[in-house]
N, C-alpha and C. Protein backbone atom coordinates (compact mmCIF):
# COMPACT_ATOMS: atom_id res chain seq x y z
N MET A 1 183.13 59.12 91.46
CA MET A 1 182.17 60.17 92.01
C MET A 1 180.78 60.48 91.18
N GLN A 2 180.14 60.66 92.30
CA GLN A 2 178.45 60.82 92.06
C GLN A 2 178.14 62.03 91.16
N ILE A 3 177.46 61.66 90.07
CA ILE A 3 176.80 62.78 89.44
C ILE A 3 175.60 63.14 90.08
N ARG A 4 175.59 64.54 89.86
CA ARG A 4 174.35 65.28 90.46
C ARG A 4 173.13 65.43 89.48
N LYS A 5 171.83 65.42 89.98
CA LYS A 5 170.99 65.07 89.05
C LYS A 5 170.78 66.45 88.76
N PHE A 6 170.62 67.07 89.93
CA PHE A 6 169.63 69.00 89.93
C PHE A 6 171.11 70.06 90.55
N PRO A 7 171.18 70.82 90.00
CA PRO A 7 172.54 71.61 90.24
C PRO A 7 171.95 72.11 91.52
N LYS A 8 173.17 72.91 92.20
CA LYS A 8 173.20 72.99 93.36
C LYS A 8 173.99 74.75 92.85
N ILE A 9 173.04 75.70 93.70
CA ILE A 9 172.95 77.16 93.66
C ILE A 9 173.55 77.88 94.94
N PHE A 10 174.18 77.77 95.77
CA PHE A 10 174.86 78.42 97.03
C PHE A 10 174.95 80.11 96.73
N ILE A 11 173.77 80.52 97.22
CA ILE A 11 173.87 81.88 97.22
C ILE A 11 172.92 82.61 99.18
N ARG A 12 173.61 82.91 99.57
CA ARG A 12 173.21 82.87 101.37
C ARG A 12 172.99 84.10 101.59
N SER A 13 173.10 85.20 100.64
CA SER A 13 172.34 86.56 101.33
C SER A 13 172.29 87.56 99.99
N LYS A 14 171.85 88.61 100.61
CA LYS A 14 171.55 90.06 99.17
C LYS A 14 172.64 89.95 98.41
N SER A 15 173.96 89.76 99.59
CA SER A 15 175.15 90.33 98.88
C SER A 15 175.51 89.83 97.71
N GLU A 16 175.69 87.91 98.05
CA GLU A 16 175.86 87.19 97.00
C GLU A 16 175.16 86.65 95.73
N LEU A 17 173.62 87.28 95.91
CA LEU A 17 172.87 87.73 94.61
C LEU A 17 173.13 88.73 94.03
N ALA A 18 173.51 89.47 94.78
CA ALA A 18 173.71 90.91 93.97
C ALA A 18 175.16 90.99 92.68
N LYS A 19 176.06 90.09 93.57
CA LYS A 19 177.16 89.79 92.79
C LYS A 19 176.98 88.91 91.94
N HIS A 20 175.74 87.79 91.85
CA HIS A 20 175.77 87.09 90.53
C HIS A 20 174.68 87.67 89.60
N ILE A 21 173.79 88.96 89.61
CA ILE A 21 173.39 89.37 88.74
C ILE A 21 174.04 90.80 88.39
N SER A 22 174.96 91.33 89.20
CA SER A 22 175.46 92.71 88.60
C SER A 22 176.63 92.00 87.16
N HIS A 23 176.59 92.55 86.38
CA HIS A 23 177.74 92.61 85.42
C HIS A 23 178.35 94.30 85.24
N ASN A 24 179.21 94.42 84.45
CA ASN A 24 179.49 95.90 84.00
C ASN A 24 178.26 97.28 83.85
N LYS A 25 177.61 96.74 83.01
CA LYS A 25 176.60 97.56 82.91
C LYS A 25 175.67 98.02 84.06
N PHE A 26 175.50 96.66 85.06
CA PHE A 26 174.68 97.04 85.75
C PHE A 26 175.39 96.59 87.52
N PRO A 27 176.13 97.87 87.99
CA PRO A 27 177.06 97.26 89.22
C PRO A 27 176.61 96.58 90.17
N LYS A 28 177.19 96.09 90.53
CA LYS A 28 176.87 95.12 92.33
C LYS A 28 175.97 96.31 93.19
N GLU A 29 176.10 97.64 93.23
CA GLU A 29 175.39 98.67 94.34
C GLU A 29 174.08 98.76 93.45
N GLU A 30 173.91 98.58 92.26
CA GLU A 30 172.69 99.01 91.66
C GLU A 30 171.83 97.79 91.85
N ALA A 31 172.32 96.70 91.83
CA ALA A 31 171.87 95.22 92.19
C ALA A 31 171.37 94.82 93.38
N LEU A 32 172.16 95.34 94.19
CA LEU A 32 171.96 95.42 95.76
C LEU A 32 170.59 96.37 96.22
N ASN A 33 170.75 97.57 95.40
CA ASN A 33 169.07 98.19 95.66
C ASN A 33 168.25 97.91 95.29
N LEU A 34 168.29 97.44 93.85
CA LEU A 34 167.38 96.59 93.14
C LEU A 34 166.54 95.70 94.23
N ILE A 35 167.27 94.72 94.59
CA ILE A 35 166.61 93.43 95.78
C ILE A 35 166.31 94.28 96.69
N ASN A 36 167.01 94.98 97.85
CA ASN A 36 166.21 96.04 98.75
C ASN A 36 164.90 96.16 98.31
N ASP A 37 164.59 97.24 97.00
CA ASP A 37 163.42 97.59 96.74
C ASP A 37 162.50 96.82 96.30
N ALA A 38 162.78 95.87 95.86
CA ALA A 38 161.77 94.74 95.75
C ALA A 38 161.63 94.14 96.60
N LEU A 39 162.21 93.96 97.68
CA LEU A 39 161.65 93.23 98.92
C LEU A 39 160.91 94.36 99.66
N LEU A 40 161.54 95.60 99.84
CA LEU A 40 160.62 96.28 100.57
C LEU A 40 159.05 96.51 100.13
N HIS A 41 159.03 96.88 98.77
CA HIS A 41 157.60 97.02 98.03
C HIS A 41 157.26 96.00 97.25
N SER A 42 157.38 94.50 97.77
CA SER A 42 156.82 93.38 96.72
C SER A 42 155.39 93.55 96.75
N GLU A 43 154.94 93.44 97.72
CA GLU A 43 153.03 93.46 97.67
C GLU A 43 153.06 94.55 96.90
N GLU A 44 153.48 95.81 96.83
CA GLU A 44 153.01 96.69 95.68
C GLU A 44 152.87 96.16 94.02
N TYR A 45 154.53 95.66 93.93
CA TYR A 45 154.91 95.17 92.84
C TYR A 45 153.90 93.86 91.92
N TRP A 46 153.72 93.45 92.80
CA TRP A 46 152.62 92.42 92.07
C TRP A 46 151.36 92.68 92.06
N LYS A 47 151.09 92.01 90.75
CA LYS A 47 149.68 92.81 90.20
C LYS A 47 148.81 90.80 89.75
N ASP A 48 147.37 91.09 90.34
CA ASP A 48 146.85 89.78 90.09
C ASP A 48 146.74 89.65 88.67
N SER A 49 146.33 88.55 88.04
CA SER A 49 146.07 88.38 86.47
C SER A 49 144.76 87.82 86.36
N LYS A 50 144.01 88.18 85.27
CA LYS A 50 143.14 87.75 84.81
C LYS A 50 142.93 86.27 84.84
N HIS A 51 144.05 85.72 84.93
CA HIS A 51 143.82 84.28 85.03
C HIS A 51 143.41 83.43 86.06
N SER A 52 143.49 84.32 87.41
CA SER A 52 143.50 83.70 88.62
C SER A 52 142.11 83.40 88.74
N LYS A 53 142.18 82.58 89.67
CA LYS A 53 141.24 81.47 90.02
C LYS A 53 140.90 81.38 91.74
N PRO A 54 139.94 81.22 92.18
CA PRO A 54 139.77 80.97 93.32
C PRO A 54 140.56 80.10 94.40
N GLU A 55 140.88 79.20 94.10
CA GLU A 55 141.87 78.54 94.75
C GLU A 55 143.37 78.88 93.81
N LYS A 56 143.66 79.05 92.73
CA LYS A 56 144.75 79.17 91.83
C LYS A 56 145.34 80.76 91.68
N TYR A 57 146.02 81.14 92.55
CA TYR A 57 146.30 82.50 91.88
C TYR A 57 147.60 82.65 91.14
N VAL A 58 147.45 83.25 89.82
CA VAL A 58 148.72 83.70 88.93
C VAL A 58 148.84 85.25 88.91
N ARG A 59 149.75 85.62 89.65
CA ARG A 59 150.01 86.67 89.86
C ARG A 59 151.60 87.16 89.08
N ASN A 60 151.56 88.60 88.66
CA ASN A 60 152.43 89.13 87.52
C ASN A 60 153.05 90.30 87.89
N ALA A 61 154.10 90.09 87.49
CA ALA A 61 155.51 91.40 88.38
C ALA A 61 156.02 92.06 86.96
N LYS A 62 155.30 92.11 85.57
CA LYS A 62 156.09 92.69 84.50
C LYS A 62 156.10 94.02 84.58
N PHE A 63 157.25 94.84 84.16
CA PHE A 63 157.26 96.30 84.20
C PHE A 63 157.74 97.01 85.50
N THR A 64 158.05 96.52 86.74
CA THR A 64 158.33 96.12 87.56
C THR A 64 159.29 96.09 88.27
N PRO A 65 160.17 96.79 89.46
CA PRO A 65 161.58 96.53 89.70
C PRO A 65 161.57 95.13 90.20
N LEU A 66 160.62 94.48 90.32
CA LEU A 66 160.56 92.96 90.79
C LEU A 66 160.59 92.68 89.51
N GLY A 67 159.56 92.42 88.58
CA GLY A 67 160.01 92.09 87.28
C GLY A 67 161.29 92.03 86.69
N LEU A 68 161.88 92.86 87.32
CA LEU A 68 163.24 93.05 86.51
C LEU A 68 164.36 92.10 87.23
N LEU A 69 163.81 92.23 88.31
CA LEU A 69 165.22 91.62 89.50
C LEU A 69 164.72 89.89 89.29
N LEU A 70 163.47 89.32 88.84
CA LEU A 70 163.22 88.33 88.63
C LEU A 70 163.73 87.78 87.36
N LYS A 71 163.76 88.83 86.07
CA LYS A 71 164.13 88.46 84.75
C LYS A 71 165.59 88.23 85.21
N LYS A 72 166.17 88.93 85.95
CA LYS A 72 168.01 89.35 85.92
C LYS A 72 168.63 87.98 87.00
N ILE A 73 167.42 87.23 87.41
CA ILE A 73 167.95 86.08 88.35
C ILE A 73 167.46 85.02 87.54
N ASN A 74 166.63 84.79 86.88
CA ASN A 74 166.55 83.70 85.71
C ASN A 74 167.40 83.57 84.46
N ALA A 75 167.71 84.80 84.20
CA ALA A 75 169.12 84.98 83.20
C ALA A 75 170.52 84.86 83.53
N MET A 76 170.80 85.15 84.84
CA MET A 76 172.20 85.01 85.42
C MET A 76 172.32 83.75 86.23
N VAL A 77 171.38 83.22 86.82
CA VAL A 77 171.65 82.65 87.85
C VAL A 77 170.79 81.22 87.38
N LEU A 78 169.77 81.07 87.32
CA LEU A 78 168.92 80.03 86.78
C LEU A 78 169.42 79.26 85.20
N ALA A 79 169.38 79.91 84.56
CA ALA A 79 169.42 79.66 82.71
C ALA A 79 170.89 79.42 82.77
N PRO A 80 171.90 79.45 83.30
CA PRO A 80 173.17 78.27 83.08
C PRO A 80 173.30 77.14 83.65
N HIS A 81 171.79 76.75 84.07
CA HIS A 81 171.71 75.38 84.57
C HIS A 81 170.37 74.52 84.25
N ASP A 82 170.09 75.63 83.11
CA ASP A 82 168.87 74.70 82.60
C ASP A 82 169.42 73.68 81.99
N LYS A 83 170.43 73.23 81.21
CA LYS A 83 170.68 71.94 80.27
C LYS A 83 171.12 70.41 81.47
N THR A 84 171.10 71.28 82.45
CA THR A 84 171.58 70.10 83.43
C THR A 84 169.74 69.58 84.38
N LEU A 85 169.06 70.59 84.13
CA LEU A 85 167.57 70.11 84.85
C LEU A 85 167.37 68.63 83.89
N PRO A 86 166.44 67.48 84.06
CA PRO A 86 165.75 66.91 83.46
C PRO A 86 164.55 67.44 83.19
N ASN A 87 163.84 66.65 81.43
CA ASN A 87 163.03 67.05 81.11
C ASN A 87 161.60 66.52 81.29
N PHE A 88 161.72 65.68 82.29
CA PHE A 88 160.16 65.67 83.17
C PHE A 88 159.73 66.33 83.78
N ILE A 89 160.52 67.67 84.18
CA ILE A 89 160.18 68.86 85.10
C ILE A 89 159.43 69.73 83.98
N PHE A 90 158.23 69.94 84.84
CA PHE A 90 157.24 70.75 84.09
C PHE A 90 157.21 71.15 82.32
N GLY A 91 157.49 69.41 81.63
CA GLY A 91 157.85 69.35 80.48
C GLY A 91 159.10 69.95 79.73
N GLY A 92 160.24 70.38 80.69
CA GLY A 92 161.08 71.28 80.41
C GLY A 92 161.09 72.49 80.06
N ILE A 93 162.02 73.09 79.38
CA ILE A 93 162.63 74.54 79.65
C ILE A 93 161.86 75.05 78.27
N LYS A 94 161.00 76.04 78.60
CA LYS A 94 160.53 76.79 77.48
C LYS A 94 161.14 77.86 77.16
N VAL A 95 161.97 78.53 75.95
CA VAL A 95 162.95 79.39 75.95
C VAL A 95 161.69 80.50 75.40
N ASP A 96 160.44 80.59 75.06
CA ASP A 96 159.70 81.66 74.42
C ASP A 96 159.37 82.22 75.77
N CYS A 97 159.10 81.54 76.60
CA CYS A 97 158.49 81.97 77.82
C CYS A 97 159.28 83.25 78.52
N LEU A 98 160.38 82.86 78.61
CA LEU A 98 161.26 83.72 79.31
C LEU A 98 160.79 85.52 79.59
N ASP A 99 160.43 85.97 78.58
CA ASP A 99 160.01 87.30 78.56
C ASP A 99 158.81 87.76 79.23
N ASP A 100 157.99 86.82 79.62
CA ASP A 100 156.96 86.84 80.83
C ASP A 100 157.56 86.13 82.45
N VAL A 101 157.46 87.00 82.88
CA VAL A 101 157.87 86.82 84.37
C VAL A 101 156.21 87.22 85.11
N ALA A 102 155.73 85.45 85.38
CA ALA A 102 154.53 85.25 86.19
C ALA A 102 155.08 84.37 87.28
N VAL A 103 154.18 84.14 88.11
CA VAL A 103 154.37 83.49 89.10
C VAL A 103 152.81 82.64 89.53
N THR A 104 152.78 81.30 89.60
CA THR A 104 151.70 80.57 90.36
C THR A 104 151.76 80.18 91.35
N MET A 105 150.54 80.52 91.95
CA MET A 105 150.92 80.31 93.42
C MET A 105 149.68 79.63 94.26
N VAL A 106 149.94 78.28 94.52
CA VAL A 106 148.56 77.63 94.90
C VAL A 106 148.73 77.37 96.41
């Protein structure tokens, strides 16, 4: 049997994503509403950071529904697979920066 180097996450629809990020205090219907709202208003929820440069944009979604969605995806979908990622990817996983939800777009 071949051992995979990277995790495979099979999420093919909004409904499957909602199922992954929901829990007893955050039901699937609320998760689906959050996903739809974030998709509908994504441009309004992104804010340009002061760290943006002409060819490198740093955008922040903190304290918005999009930021909440990204935080839940990170915690419920991606974080369980952190131990399977090699350390050479971006210098490893930093636990202290999970509070910030910022994306760098080049």
